[in-house]
């Protein structure tokens, strides 16, 4: 089992998370705290699940 940080899917999802944080800064106030937070939470959960799946050892 390799390091999670070396997995292409982990790298791509983490890059997506960083991009979402960058893009959400420019959202209008209404969307920043609804759509922006939803996007951040969903992608953060995805990154966490990829990490957990890799760490499970199965």
Protein backbone atom coordinates (compact mmCIF):
# COMPACT_ATOMS: atom_id res chain seq x y z
CA UNK A 1 0.00 0.00 0.00
CA UNK A 2 1.46 3.32 -1.08
CA UNK A 3 1.22 6.65 0.58
CA UNK A 4 -2.13 8.32 0.09
CA UNK A 5 -0.47 11.50 -1.14
CA UNK A 6 1.06 9.53 -4.05
CA UNK A 7 -2.28 8.25 -5.39
CA UNK A 8 -3.37 10.04 -8.59
CA UNK A 9 -7.00 10.08 -7.45
CA UNK A 10 -6.02 11.65 -4.13
CA UNK A 11 -3.89 14.28 -5.86
CA UNK A 12 -6.69 15.15 -8.29
CA UNK A 13 -9.34 15.40 -5.57
CA UNK A 14 -7.07 17.50 -3.36
CA UNK A 15 -6.34 19.83 -6.28
CA UNK A 16 -10.09 20.09 -6.86
CA UNK A 17 -10.59 21.02 -3.21
CA UNK A 18 -7.97 23.76 -3.44
CA UNK A 19 -9.54 25.07 -6.64
CA UNK A 20 -13.00 25.17 -5.02
CA UNK A 21 -11.66 27.15 -2.07
CA UNK A 22 -10.06 29.60 -4.50
CA UNK A 23 -13.16 29.96 -6.70
CA UNK A 24 -15.61 30.28 -3.79
CA UNK A 25 -13.87 33.45 -2.61
CA UNK A 26 -15.31 35.23 -5.65
CA UNK A 27 -18.89 33.96 -5.23
CA UNK A 28 -21.66 36.40 -4.42
CA UNK A 29 -22.52 36.50 -0.73
CA UNK A 30 -25.71 34.45 -1.19
CA UNK A 31 -23.91 31.64 -2.97
CA UNK A 32 -20.74 31.73 -0.90
CA UNK A 33 -22.50 30.48 2.22
CA UNK A 34 -24.87 28.03 0.53
CA UNK A 35 -23.43 26.55 -2.64
CA UNK A 36 -19.82 27.32 -1.71
CA UNK A 37 -20.03 25.63 1.68
CA UNK A 38 -21.85 22.64 0.20
CA UNK A 39 -19.12 22.19 -2.43
CA UNK A 40 -16.36 22.52 0.15
CA UNK A 41 -17.99 20.00 2.48
CA UNK A 42 -18.67 17.43 -0.23
CA UNK A 43 -15.17 17.53 -1.71
CA UNK A 44 -13.59 17.52 1.76
CA UNK A 45 -15.59 14.39 2.55
CA UNK A 46 -14.45 12.82 -0.73
CA UNK A 47 -10.78 13.48 0.09
CA UNK A 48 -11.32 12.02 3.57
CA UNK A 49 -12.97 8.89 2.18
CA UNK A 50 -10.12 8.33 -0.28
CA UNK A 51 -7.66 8.60 2.60
CA UNK A 52 -9.67 6.17 4.74
CA UNK A 53 -10.03 3.67 1.89
CA UNK A 54 -6.29 3.68 1.31
CA UNK A 55 -5.55 3.36 5.02
CA UNK A 56 -7.90 0.45 5.60
CA UNK A 57 -5.37 -2.08 4.32
CA UNK A 58 -7.86 -4.15 2.32
